[in-house]
C-alpha atoms as a PDB file:
ATOM      1  CA  UNK A   1      -0.038   0.001  -0.016  1.00  0.00           C
ATOM      2  CA  UNK A   2       2.880   2.450   0.755  1.00  0.00           C
ATOM      3  CA  UNK A   3       4.346   1.895  -2.676  1.00  0.00           C
ATOM      4  CA  UNK A   4       1.050   2.755  -4.270  1.00  0.00           C
ATOM      5  CA  UNK A   5       0.721   6.028  -2.345  1.00  0.00           C
ATOM      6  CA  UNK A   6       4.314   6.944  -3.206  1.00  0.00           C
ATOM      7  CA  UNK A   7       3.712   6.170  -6.884  1.00  0.00           C
ATOM      8  CA  UNK A   8       0.454   8.195  -6.965  1.00  0.00           C
ATOM      9  CA  UNK A   9       2.141  11.151  -5.203  1.00  0.00           C
ATOM     10  CA  UNK A  10       5.099  11.210  -7.574  1.00  0.00           C
ATOM     11  CA  UNK A  11       2.722  11.176 -10.541  1.00  0.00           C
ATOM     12  CA  UNK A  12       0.876  14.155  -9.224  1.00  0.00           C
ATOM     13  CA  UNK A  13       4.096  16.076  -8.473  1.00  0.00           C
ATOM     14  CA  UNK A  14       5.708  15.246 -11.863  1.00  0.00           C
ATOM     15  CA  UNK A  15       2.614  15.756 -14.038  1.00  0.00           C
ATOM     16  CA  UNK A  16       2.906  19.650 -14.014  1.00  0.00           C
ATOM     17  CA  UNK A  17       6.438  19.437 -15.312  1.00  0.00           C
ATOM     18  CA  UNK A  18       5.254  17.467 -18.363  1.00  0.00           C
ATOM     19  CA  UNK A  19       2.542  19.999 -18.949  1.00  0.00           C
ATOM     20  CA  UNK A  20       5.015  22.853 -18.874  1.00  0.00           C
ATOM     21  CA  UNK A  21       6.883  21.312 -21.756  1.00  0.00           C
ATOM     22  CA  UNK A  22       3.758  20.950 -23.769  1.00  0.00           C
ATOM     23  CA  UNK A  23       2.502  24.496 -23.254  1.00  0.00           C
ATOM     24  CA  UNK A  24       5.752  26.192 -24.364  1.00  0.00           C
ATOM     25  CA  UNK A  25       5.416  29.291 -26.490  1.00  0.00           C
ATOM     26  CA  UNK A  26       8.075  27.928 -28.886  1.00  0.00           C
ATOM     27  CA  UNK A  27      10.570  30.721 -28.224  1.00  0.00           C
ATOM     28  CA  UNK A  28      14.229  29.868 -27.803  1.00  0.00           C
ATOM     29  CA  UNK A  29      16.252  31.500 -25.034  1.00  0.00           C
ATOM     30  CA  UNK A  30      19.513  32.754 -26.632  1.00  0.00           C
ATOM     31  CA  UNK A  31      22.346  34.739 -25.098  1.00  0.00           C
ATOM     32  CA  UNK A  32      25.747  35.932 -26.204  1.00  0.00           C
ATOM     33  CA  UNK A  33      28.604  38.369 -26.311  1.00  0.00           C
ATOM     34  CA  UNK A  34      29.079  41.262 -28.697  1.00  0.00           C
ATOM     35  CA  UNK A  35      32.435  42.934 -29.357  1.00  0.00           C
ATOM     36  CA  UNK A  36      33.539  45.849 -31.482  1.00  0.00           C
ATOM     37  CA  UNK A  37      37.176  45.686 -32.554  1.00  0.00           C
ATOM     38  CA  UNK A  38      37.833  43.159 -29.835  1.00  0.00           C
ATOM     39  CA  UNK A  39      36.258  45.218 -27.041  1.00  0.00           C
ATOM     40  CA  UNK A  40      32.919  44.340 -25.359  1.00  0.00           C
ATOM     41  CA  UNK A  41      30.222  46.580 -26.528  1.00  0.00           C
ATOM     42  CA  UNK A  42      29.393  48.584 -23.384  1.00  0.00           C
ATOM     43  CA  UNK A  43      25.774  49.194 -24.234  1.00  0.00           C
ATOM     44  CA  UNK A  44      23.384  48.983 -27.151  1.00  0.00           C
ATOM     45  CA  UNK A  45      20.486  47.038 -28.612  1.00  0.00           C
ATOM     46  CA  UNK A  46      20.307  43.815 -30.604  1.00  0.00           C
ATOM     47  CA  UNK A  47      17.354  43.057 -32.945  1.00  0.00           C
ATOM     48  CA  UNK A  48      16.333  39.691 -34.499  1.00  0.00           C
ATOM     49  CA  UNK A  49      14.014  40.027 -37.445  1.00  0.00           C
ATOM     50  CA  UNK A  50      12.708  36.992 -39.356  1.00  0.00           C
ATOM     51  CA  UNK A  51      14.027  36.890 -42.890  1.00  0.00           C
ATOM     52  CA  UNK A  52      10.879  35.103 -44.043  1.00  0.00           C
ATOM     53  CA  UNK A  53       7.189  35.053 -43.144  1.00  0.00           C
ATOM     54  CA  UNK A  54       7.545  32.762 -40.085  1.00  0.00           C
ATOM     55  CA  UNK A  55       8.598  33.891 -36.646  1.00  0.00           C
ATOM     56  CA  UNK A  56       8.404  37.066 -34.600  1.00  0.00           C
ATOM     57  CA  UNK A  57      10.861  39.933 -34.139  1.00  0.00           C
ATOM     58  CA  UNK A  58      12.619  40.254 -30.845  1.00  0.00           C
ATOM     59  CA  UNK A  59      15.128  42.699 -29.366  1.00  0.00           C
ATOM     60  CA  UNK A  60      17.258  43.018 -26.236  1.00  0.00           C
ATOM     61  CA  UNK A  61      19.467  45.482 -24.428  1.00  0.00           C
ATOM     62  CA  UNK A  62      23.194  44.914 -24.670  1.00  0.00           C
ATOM     63  CA  UNK A  63      25.053  45.668 -21.417  1.00  0.00           C
ATOM     64  CA  UNK A  64      28.746  44.962 -20.700  1.00  0.00           C
ATOM     65  CA  UNK A  65      28.815  43.205 -24.101  1.00  0.00           C
ATOM     66  CA  UNK A  66      26.156  40.639 -23.183  1.00  0.00           C
ATOM     67  CA  UNK A  67      22.521  40.172 -24.143  1.00  0.00           C
ATOM     68  CA  UNK A  68      19.699  37.669 -23.384  1.00  0.00           C
ATOM     69  CA  UNK A  69      16.676  37.295 -25.622  1.00  0.00           C
ATOM     70  CA  UNK A  70      13.849  34.835 -26.434  1.00  0.00           C
ATOM     71  CA  UNK A  71      13.493  34.348 -30.213  1.00  0.00           C
ATOM     72  CA  UNK A  72      11.434  32.314 -32.656  1.00  0.00           C
ATOM     73  CA  UNK A  73      13.157  29.323 -34.204  1.00  0.00           C
ATOM     74  CA  UNK A  74      13.781  30.495 -37.836  1.00  0.00           C
ATOM     75  CA  UNK A  75      16.313  32.291 -39.985  1.00  0.00           C
ATOM     76  CA  UNK A  76      16.934  35.796 -38.637  1.00  0.00           C
ATOM     77  CA  UNK A  77      18.474  39.010 -39.779  1.00  0.00           C
ATOM     78  CA  UNK A  78      20.423  40.444 -36.882  1.00  0.00           C
ATOM     79  CA  UNK A  79      20.836  44.220 -36.305  1.00  0.00           C
ATOM     80  CA  UNK A  80      23.084  45.722 -33.706  1.00  0.00           C
ATOM     81  CA  UNK A  81      22.885  49.359 -32.600  1.00  0.00           C
ATOM     82  CA  UNK A  82      24.856  51.534 -30.266  1.00  0.00           C
ATOM     83  CA  UNK A  83      25.035  55.280 -29.773  1.00  0.00           C
ATOM     84  CA  UNK A  84      27.395  57.743 -28.191  1.00  0.00           C
ATOM     85  CA  UNK A  85      27.504  61.568 -27.685  1.00  0.00           C
ATOM     86  CA  UNK A  86      28.998  63.587 -30.503  1.00  0.00           C
ATOM     87  CA  UNK A  87      32.589  64.667 -29.847  1.00  0.00           C
ATOM     88  CA  UNK A  88      33.492  68.372 -29.708  1.00  0.00           C
ATOM     89  CA  UNK A  89      35.176  68.073 -33.189  1.00  0.00           C
ATOM     90  CA  UNK A  90      31.986  66.478 -34.613  1.00  0.00           C
ATOM     91  CA  UNK A  91      29.800  69.161 -33.125  1.00  0.00           C
ATOM     92  CA  UNK A  92      32.018  71.803 -34.769  1.00  0.00           C
ATOM     93  CA  UNK A  93      31.555  70.205 -38.157  1.00  0.00           C
ATOM     94  CA  UNK A  94      27.785  69.894 -37.667  1.00  0.00           C
ATOM     95  CA  UNK A  95      27.486  73.499 -36.714  1.00  0.00           C
ATOM     96  CA  UNK A  96      29.531  74.556 -39.754  1.00  0.00           C
ATOM     97  CA  UNK A  97      26.795  73.021 -41.967  1.00  0.00           C
ATOM     98  CA  UNK A  98      24.683  75.881 -43.416  1.00  0.00           C
ATOM     99  CA  UNK A  99      21.604  73.620 -43.282  1.00  0.00           C
ATOM    100  CA  UNK A 100      21.543  73.967 -39.429  1.00  0.00           C
ATOM    101  CA  UNK A 101      22.566  77.650 -39.087  1.00  0.00           C
ATOM    102  CA  UNK A 102      19.081  79.018 -38.521  1.00  0.00           C
ATOM    103  CA  UNK A 103      17.502  76.012 -36.892  1.00  0.00           C
ATOM    104  CA  UNK A 104      16.647  76.732 -33.177  1.00  0.00           C
ATOM    105  CA  UNK A 105      15.823  73.126 -32.615  1.00  0.00           C
ATOM    106  CA  UNK A 106      19.329  71.917 -33.618  1.00  0.00           C
ATOM    107  CA  UNK A 107      21.233  71.029 -30.506  1.00  0.00           C
ATOM    108  CA  UNK A 108      24.034  68.487 -31.186  1.00  0.00           C
ATOM    109  CA  UNK A 109      25.191  68.569 -27.564  1.00  0.00           C
ATOM    110  CA  UNK A 110      22.058  66.581 -26.710  1.00  0.00           C
ATOM    111  CA  UNK A 111      22.083  64.348 -29.804  1.00  0.00           C
ATOM    112  CA  UNK A 112      23.728  60.935 -30.067  1.00  0.00           C
ATOM    113  CA  UNK A 113      25.565  59.319 -32.890  1.00  0.00           C
ATOM    114  CA  UNK A 114      25.159  55.749 -34.127  1.00  0.00           C
ATOM    115  CA  UNK A 115      28.762  54.442 -34.165  1.00  0.00           C
ATOM    116  CA  UNK A 116      28.213  50.861 -35.242  1.00  0.00           C
ATOM    117  CA  UNK A 117      28.755  50.600 -39.005  1.00  0.00           C
ATOM    118  CA  UNK A 118      25.596  50.323 -41.174  1.00  0.00           C
ATOM    119  CA  UNK A 119      26.653  46.861 -42.327  1.00  0.00           C
ATOM    120  CA  UNK A 120      25.578  45.643 -38.811  1.00  0.00           C
ATOM    121  CA  UNK A 121      22.317  47.501 -38.505  1.00  0.00           C
ATOM    122  CA  UNK A 122      20.464  49.452 -41.248  1.00  0.00           C
ATOM    123  CA  UNK A 123      22.139  47.412 -44.015  1.00  0.00           C
ATOM    124  CA  UNK A 124      22.901  44.350 -41.944  1.00  0.00           C
ATOM    125  CA  UNK A 125      25.009  41.513 -43.270  1.00  0.00           C
ATOM    126  CA  UNK A 126      24.484  39.560 -40.035  1.00  0.00           C
ATOM    127  CA  UNK A 127      22.115  36.597 -39.880  1.00  0.00           C
ATOM    128  CA  UNK A 128      21.494  33.608 -37.619  1.00  0.00           C
ATOM    129  CA  UNK A 129      19.630  30.375 -38.008  1.00  0.00           C
ATOM    130  CA  UNK A 130      17.775  29.900 -34.699  1.00  0.00           C
ATOM    131  CA  UNK A 131      17.134  26.212 -34.014  1.00  0.00           C
ATOM    132  CA  UNK A 132      15.891  24.206 -30.978  1.00  0.00           C
ATOM    133  CA  UNK A 133      19.476  23.681 -29.831  1.00  0.00           C
ATOM    134  CA  UNK A 134      20.674  27.202 -30.359  1.00  0.00           C
ATOM    135  CA  UNK A 135      21.669  28.715 -26.969  1.00  0.00           C
ATOM    136  CA  UNK A 136      24.554  31.122 -27.674  1.00  0.00           C
ATOM    137  CA  UNK A 137      25.210  33.536 -30.547  1.00  0.00           C
ATOM    138  CA  UNK A 138      28.301  35.749 -30.360  1.00  0.00           C
ATOM    139  CA  UNK A 139      29.058  38.606 -32.747  1.00  0.00           C
ATOM    140  CA  UNK A 140      32.436  40.053 -33.380  1.00  0.00           C
ATOM    141  CA  UNK A 141      32.024  43.373 -35.155  1.00  0.00           C
ATOM    142  CA  UNK A 142      34.754  45.499 -36.886  1.00  0.00           C
ATOM    143  CA  UNK A 143      34.486  49.302 -37.124  1.00  0.00           C
ATOM    144  CA  UNK A 144      36.536  49.423 -40.327  1.00  0.00           C
ATOM    145  CA  UNK A 145      35.038  48.537 -43.687  1.00  0.00           C
ATOM    146  CA  UNK A 146      37.491  45.641 -44.333  1.00  0.00           C
END
Protein backbone atom coordinates (compact mmCIF):
# COMPACT_ATOMS: atom_id res chain seq x y z
CA UNK A 1 0.00 0.00 0.00
CA UNK A 2 2.85 2.44 0.76
CA UNK A 3 4.39 1.94 -2.70
CA UNK A 4 1.07 2.73 -4.31
CA UNK A 5 0.72 6.01 -2.36
CA UNK A 6 4.31 6.93 -3.18
CA UNK A 7 3.74 6.20 -6.89
CA UNK A 8 0.51 8.23 -6.96
CA UNK A 9 2.15 11.13 -5.16
CA UNK A 10 5.08 11.13 -7.60
CA UNK A 11 2.68 11.15 -10.56
CA UNK A 12 0.84 14.18 -9.18
CA UNK A 13 4.09 16.04 -8.50
CA UNK A 14 5.71 15.27 -11.87
CA UNK A 15 2.63 15.74 -14.07
CA UNK A 16 2.85 19.59 -14.02
CA UNK A 17 6.45 19.37 -15.27
CA UNK A 18 5.28 17.45 -18.33
CA UNK A 19 2.54 19.99 -18.95
CA UNK A 20 5.04 22.87 -18.87
CA UNK A 21 6.93 21.32 -21.76
CA UNK A 22 3.73 20.94 -23.78
CA UNK A 23 2.54 24.50 -23.23
CA UNK A 24 5.74 26.18 -24.35
CA UNK A 25 5.41 29.33 -26.47
CA UNK A 26 8.03 27.92 -28.86
CA UNK A 27 10.56 30.70 -28.26
CA UNK A 28 14.23 29.85 -27.80
CA UNK A 29 16.28 31.51 -25.05
CA UNK A 30 19.52 32.78 -26.63
CA UNK A 31 22.36 34.76 -25.09
CA UNK A 32 25.74 35.89 -26.25
CA UNK A 33 28.59 38.37 -26.33
CA UNK A 34 29.07 41.27 -28.71
CA UNK A 35 32.43 42.89 -29.35
CA UNK A 36 33.52 45.82 -31.51
CA UNK A 37 37.16 45.68 -32.56
CA UNK A 38 37.84 43.09 -29.86
CA UNK A 39 36.29 45.15 -27.03
CA UNK A 40 32.96 44.32 -25.36
CA UNK A 41 30.20 46.62 -26.54
CA UNK A 42 29.40 48.58 -23.37
CA UNK A 43 25.75 49.23 -24.23
CA UNK A 44 23.40 49.04 -27.16
CA UNK A 45 20.55 47.03 -28.62
CA UNK A 46 20.30 43.83 -30.67
CA UNK A 47 17.33 43.02 -32.90
CA UNK A 48 16.33 39.71 -34.47
CA UNK A 49 14.03 40.06 -37.49
CA UNK A 50 12.67 37.02 -39.34
CA UNK A 51 14.00 36.88 -42.90
CA UNK A 52 10.85 35.07 -44.05
CA UNK A 53 7.19 35.05 -43.12
CA UNK A 54 7.56 32.75 -40.09
CA UNK A 55 8.59 33.86 -36.62
CA UNK A 56 8.40 37.04 -34.60
CA UNK A 57 10.84 39.89 -34.18
CA UNK A 58 12.63 40.24 -30.86
CA UNK A 59 15.09 42.69 -29.34
CA UNK A 60 17.25 42.97 -26.24
CA UNK A 61 19.45 45.47 -24.45
CA UNK A 62 23.20 44.94 -24.67
CA UNK A 63 25.00 45.66 -21.41
CA UNK A 64 28.66 44.97 -20.76
CA UNK A 65 28.86 43.18 -24.11
CA UNK A 66 26.16 40.67 -23.16
CA UNK A 67 22.55 40.14 -24.15
CA UNK A 68 19.72 37.68 -23.40
CA UNK A 69 16.67 37.28 -25.62
CA UNK A 70 13.86 34.86 -26.46
CA UNK A 71 13.47 34.36 -30.21
CA UNK A 72 11.45 32.32 -32.67
CA UNK A 73 13.19 29.34 -34.26
CA UNK A 74 13.79 30.51 -37.85
CA UNK A 75 16.35 32.29 -40.02
CA UNK A 76 16.89 35.80 -38.63
CA UNK A 77 18.45 39.02 -39.80
CA UNK A 78 20.43 40.46 -36.89
CA UNK A 79 20.85 44.20 -36.33
CA UNK A 80 23.08 45.74 -33.69
CA UNK A 81 22.89 49.40 -32.63
CA UNK A 82 24.91 51.53 -30.23
CA UNK A 83 25.04 55.30 -29.78
CA UNK A 84 27.43 57.75 -28.17
CA UNK A 85 27.48 61.53 -27.69
CA UNK A 86 29.04 63.58 -30.47
CA UNK A 87 32.63 64.67 -29.86
CA UNK A 88 33.51 68.38 -29.75
CA UNK A 89 35.13 68.07 -33.19
CA UNK A 90 32.01 66.43 -34.65
CA UNK A 91 29.82 69.16 -33.13
CA UNK A 92 32.00 71.84 -34.77
CA UNK A 93 31.55 70.16 -38.16
CA UNK A 94 27.81 69.87 -37.67
CA UNK A 95 27.48 73.52 -36.69
CA UNK A 96 29.51 74.55 -39.76
CA UNK A 97 26.84 73.00 -41.99
CA UNK A 98 24.70 75.86 -43.42
CA UNK A 99 21.63 73.65 -43.28
CA UNK A 100 21.57 73.97 -39.47
CA UNK A 101 22.57 77.65 -39.07
CA UNK A 102 19.07 79.01 -38.50
CA UNK A 103 17.47 75.98 -36.88
CA UNK A 104 16.70 76.75 -33.21
CA UNK A 105 15.85 73.10 -32.57
CA UNK A 106 19.32 71.94 -33.62
CA UNK A 107 21.23 71.01 -30.48
CA UNK A 108 24.05 68.54 -31.22
CA UNK A 109 25.20 68.59 -27.59
CA UNK A 110 22.07 66.59 -26.71
CA UNK A 111 22.13 64.36 -29.79
CA UNK A 112 23.74 60.94 -30.07
CA UNK A 113 25.59 59.31 -32.92
CA UNK A 114 25.20 55.74 -34.15
CA UNK A 115 28.75 54.42 -34.15
CA UNK A 116 28.20 50.83 -35.22
CA UNK A 117 28.74 50.56 -39.00
CA UNK A 118 25.59 50.31 -41.14
CA UNK A 119 26.63 46.84 -42.30
CA UNK A 120 25.62 45.62 -38.82
CA UNK A 121 22.31 47.49 -38.49
CA UNK A 122 20.46 49.42 -41.23
CA UNK A 123 22.16 47.42 -44.02
CA UNK A 124 22.93 44.37 -41.90
CA UNK A 125 25.00 41.52 -43.27
CA UNK A 126 24.46 39.59 -40.02
CA UNK A 127 22.15 36.60 -39.89
CA UNK A 128 21.50 33.63 -37.63
CA UNK A 129 19.63 30.37 -37.99
CA UNK A 130 17.80 29.89 -34.68
CA UNK A 131 17.14 26.22 -33.98
CA UNK A 132 15.87 24.23 -30.99
CA UNK A 133 19.46 23.67 -29.80
CA UNK A 134 20.68 27.26 -30.34
CA UNK A 135 21.68 28.71 -26.97
CA UNK A 136 24.57 31.09 -27.68
CA UNK A 137 25.24 33.52 -30.51
CA UNK A 138 28.32 35.75 -30.34
CA UNK A 139 29.01 38.61 -32.73
CA UNK A 140 32.47 40.08 -33.38
CA UNK A 141 32.04 43.42 -35.15
CA UNK A 142 34.72 45.51 -36.86
CA UNK A 143 34.50 49.31 -37.12
CA UNK A 144 36.55 49.39 -40.33
CA UNK A 145 35.03 48.49 -43.68
CA UNK A 146 37.50 45.65 -44.32
